[in-house]
Amino acid sequence: MDLEILVGEKDNLKENFINNFLETLSNFMEEKYIVDRFEEDLAVCENSLTKEMVNIPKKDLPENIQEGMTIKKSKDGFKIDTLNCSVCIKKALETLKKDWDDLESLYVVNNVLDKAVKCTSLNLSENIYIKDENLISNLKKGTIIKKAENNFLIDTEKTVELKEKLLNMKF
C-alpha cells in the first residue's frame, strides 16, 4: 500500500496523513467498479483499484444502472456509489446550477491524481488541472471549488449542497 504524504504546514501534516490513510484503507475494504458497457445480460465493469475488467450479471445490479456509473459491492449486494459516480454528480449539478449565480468562477473536481486535480468548469465545461499541493490534499471527487483572483478555494457551502443532493438521489 503506497501512501503519499504531501509536505505542507506543520499543523496539517498529521491531519493529511490520517485522511490519506483512511481513504486508502476504505478503498481496499470496499470493492468499487465503473460500468463500462453492457453485453447481453452482463455488465462489463472496471475494478477501480486493480483496473481489471470483470463481468457482473445485470440481475445483481441496481435496476436503473447506466454506463459510466460507479457501483460498490457490500454485504447486501451492489449499490450505486452516488458520491463518487460521475454520472450522478453531473445529474445533480444540472439541477443545482440553476440556483447558482456565480457559475463562471466554479469548478467541480473530477479526478484527484498524484500531483494534480482535474476539474471541469460549471459554466463552460472546459477541463483544467490544478497543481496546488495544499489544496489537493483537501479535495475529493465532487468538491466544488471557486476561482478567486489567482487562487482556488473550496466552496464548502456548494460542496455540502451537492453532497446532500447526491445522498438523496433516487434511481
Protein backbone atom coordinates (compact mmCIF):
# COMPACT_ATOMS: atom_id res chain seq x y z
CA MET A 1 0.00 0.00 0.00
CA ASP A 2 1.52 3.32 -1.10
CA LEU A 3 0.70 6.38 0.99
CA GLU A 4 1.74 9.78 -0.24
CA ILE A 5 2.21 12.46 2.37
CA LEU A 6 2.35 15.95 0.97
CA VAL A 7 4.62 18.46 2.63
CA GLY A 8 2.63 21.34 3.99
CA GLU A 9 2.06 23.36 7.11
CA LYS A 10 3.08 21.54 10.28
CA ASP A 11 -0.47 21.65 11.69
CA ASN A 12 -1.89 19.96 8.60
CA LEU A 13 0.64 17.12 8.25
CA LYS A 14 -0.97 14.87 10.88
CA GLU A 15 -4.48 15.52 9.54
CA ASN A 16 -3.34 14.93 5.92
CA PHE A 17 -1.65 11.68 6.90
CA ILE A 18 -4.72 10.39 8.75
CA ASN A 19 -7.12 11.41 5.94
CA ASN A 20 -4.88 9.83 3.30
CA PHE A 21 -4.53 6.63 5.33
CA LEU A 22 -8.29 6.30 6.00
CA GLU A 23 -9.18 6.93 2.36
CA THR A 24 -6.62 4.36 1.16
CA LEU A 25 -7.86 1.85 3.73
CA SER A 26 -11.51 2.31 2.74
CA ASN A 27 -10.60 1.80 -0.93
CA PHE A 28 -9.07 -1.57 -0.06
CA MET A 29 -12.03 -2.63 2.07
CA GLU A 30 -14.77 -1.74 -0.39
CA GLU A 31 -14.77 -3.03 -3.95
CA LYS A 32 -15.77 -0.33 -6.43
CA TYR A 33 -16.44 -0.70 -10.14
CA ILE A 34 -17.22 1.60 -13.04
CA VAL A 35 -19.74 0.22 -15.53
CA ASP A 36 -18.02 0.31 -18.92
CA ARG A 37 -20.71 -1.26 -21.09
CA PHE A 38 -23.47 -3.86 -21.28
CA GLU A 39 -23.23 -7.11 -23.22
CA GLU A 40 -26.43 -9.14 -23.27
CA ASP A 41 -27.20 -9.98 -19.62
CA LEU A 42 -23.81 -8.83 -18.28
CA ALA A 43 -22.32 -5.52 -17.24
CA VAL A 44 -18.65 -5.23 -18.16
CA CYS A 45 -17.08 -3.27 -15.30
CA GLU A 46 -13.64 -1.95 -14.41
CA ASN A 47 -12.42 -2.56 -10.88
CA SER A 48 -11.48 0.94 -9.65
CA LEU A 49 -8.47 -0.30 -7.70
CA THR A 50 -6.96 -3.02 -9.90
CA LYS A 51 -8.25 -1.72 -13.28
CA GLU A 52 -9.20 -5.35 -14.08
CA MET A 53 -12.30 -5.82 -16.23
CA VAL A 54 -14.95 -8.11 -14.73
CA ASN A 55 -18.37 -9.29 -15.86
CA ILE A 56 -21.24 -8.82 -13.42
CA PRO A 57 -24.72 -10.22 -14.14
CA LYS A 58 -27.20 -7.36 -14.72
CA LYS A 59 -29.64 -9.05 -12.35
CA ASP A 60 -27.17 -8.44 -9.48
CA LEU A 61 -27.02 -4.68 -10.14
CA PRO A 62 -29.41 -1.85 -9.23
CA GLU A 63 -32.35 -1.58 -11.62
CA ASN A 64 -31.51 1.81 -13.15
CA ILE A 65 -27.78 1.25 -13.66
CA GLN A 66 -26.21 3.10 -16.60
CA GLU A 67 -22.89 3.08 -18.41
CA GLY A 68 -20.33 5.21 -16.61
CA MET A 69 -21.88 4.78 -13.17
CA THR A 70 -19.77 3.83 -10.16
CA ILE A 71 -21.03 0.92 -8.08
CA LYS A 72 -19.78 -0.53 -4.83
CA LYS A 73 -20.08 -4.06 -3.55
CA SER A 74 -21.27 -4.52 0.00
CA LYS A 75 -22.56 -7.45 2.01
CA ASP A 76 -26.08 -6.56 0.74
CA GLY A 77 -25.05 -6.62 -2.93
CA PHE A 78 -24.18 -3.87 -5.38
CA LYS A 79 -25.26 -0.26 -4.86
CA ILE A 80 -24.70 2.93 -6.85
CA ASP A 81 -21.93 4.95 -5.22
CA THR A 82 -23.59 8.34 -5.77
CA LEU A 83 -20.83 10.34 -4.04
CA ASN A 84 -18.17 9.01 -6.44
CA CYS A 85 -20.27 8.50 -9.56
CA SER A 86 -19.51 10.95 -12.39
CA VAL A 87 -22.93 10.33 -13.96
CA CYS A 88 -24.70 11.09 -10.66
CA ILE A 89 -22.59 14.19 -9.99
CA LYS A 90 -23.38 15.51 -13.47
CA LYS A 91 -27.13 14.96 -12.98
CA ALA A 92 -27.13 16.61 -9.55
CA LEU A 93 -25.15 19.59 -10.84
CA GLU A 94 -27.61 20.18 -13.69
CA THR A 95 -30.32 20.78 -11.08
CA LEU A 96 -28.18 22.80 -8.67
CA LYS A 97 -26.60 25.07 -11.31
CA LYS A 98 -29.98 26.71 -11.91
CA ASP A 99 -29.81 28.26 -8.42
CA TRP A 100 -26.14 29.30 -8.50
CA ASP A 101 -25.37 32.73 -9.95
CA ASP A 102 -21.56 32.54 -9.93
CA LEU A 103 -21.04 29.67 -12.40
CA GLU A 104 -18.24 31.43 -14.28
CA SER A 105 -15.91 31.00 -11.29
CA LEU A 106 -16.99 27.50 -10.18
CA TYR A 107 -15.35 24.14 -10.93
CA VAL A 108 -16.11 20.58 -9.86
CA VAL A 109 -13.33 18.10 -9.04
CA ASN A 110 -13.44 15.10 -11.40
CA ASN A 111 -10.26 13.22 -10.54
CA VAL A 112 -7.65 13.55 -7.83
CA LEU A 113 -4.38 12.50 -9.43
CA ASP A 114 -0.92 12.09 -7.87
CA LYS A 115 0.30 15.65 -8.35
CA ALA A 116 -2.76 17.45 -9.74
CA VAL A 117 -6.54 17.61 -9.68
CA LYS A 118 -8.66 17.51 -12.84
CA CYS A 119 -11.61 19.90 -12.65
CA THR A 120 -14.41 20.94 -15.00
CA SER A 121 -15.79 24.45 -15.26
CA LEU A 122 -19.52 24.52 -14.41
CA ASN A 123 -20.07 27.34 -16.90
CA LEU A 124 -18.06 26.30 -19.95
CA SER A 125 -17.48 22.56 -19.43
CA GLU A 126 -13.75 23.01 -20.02
CA ASN A 127 -11.20 20.98 -18.08
CA ILE A 128 -8.34 22.41 -16.05
CA TYR A 129 -5.62 20.84 -13.92
CA ILE A 130 -4.68 22.34 -10.55
CA LYS A 131 -1.28 21.57 -9.03
CA ASP A 132 -1.53 23.35 -5.66
CA GLU A 133 -0.35 20.67 -3.17
CA ASN A 134 -2.03 22.31 -0.17
CA LEU A 135 -5.37 22.42 -2.00
CA ILE A 136 -5.03 18.91 -3.50
CA SER A 137 -4.68 17.31 -0.07
CA ASN A 138 -8.18 18.55 0.84
CA LEU A 139 -10.02 17.70 -2.39
CA LYS A 140 -12.16 14.74 -3.35
CA LYS A 141 -14.24 13.94 -6.38
CA GLY A 142 -17.34 16.15 -6.34
CA THR A 143 -15.79 19.01 -4.37
CA ILE A 144 -16.83 22.44 -5.67
CA ILE A 145 -14.01 24.96 -5.88
CA LYS A 146 -14.14 28.64 -6.72
CA LYS A 147 -11.54 30.69 -8.56
CA ALA A 148 -10.76 33.90 -6.70
CA GLU A 149 -8.10 36.04 -8.40
CA ASN A 150 -5.14 33.64 -8.85
CA ASN A 151 -6.22 31.15 -6.18
CA PHE A 152 -8.73 28.35 -5.90
CA LEU A 153 -10.73 27.92 -2.72
CA ILE A 154 -13.11 25.18 -1.63
CA ASP A 155 -16.71 26.38 -1.76
CA THR A 156 -17.88 24.47 1.30
CA GLU A 157 -21.50 25.60 1.08
CA LYS A 158 -21.93 24.44 -2.52
CA THR A 159 -19.98 21.23 -1.88
CA VAL A 160 -22.31 20.36 1.01
CA GLU A 161 -25.32 21.20 -1.16
CA LEU A 162 -24.04 18.83 -3.87
CA LYS A 163 -23.31 16.02 -1.38
CA GLU A 164 -26.80 16.33 0.11
CA LYS A 165 -28.33 16.21 -3.37
CA LEU A 166 -26.27 13.09 -4.20
CA LEU A 167 -27.19 11.33 -0.96
CA ASN A 168 -30.88 11.95 -1.63
CA MET A 169 -30.85 10.85 -5.29
CA LYS A 170 -33.23 8.05 -6.12
CA PHE A 171 -32.70 5.65 -9.01
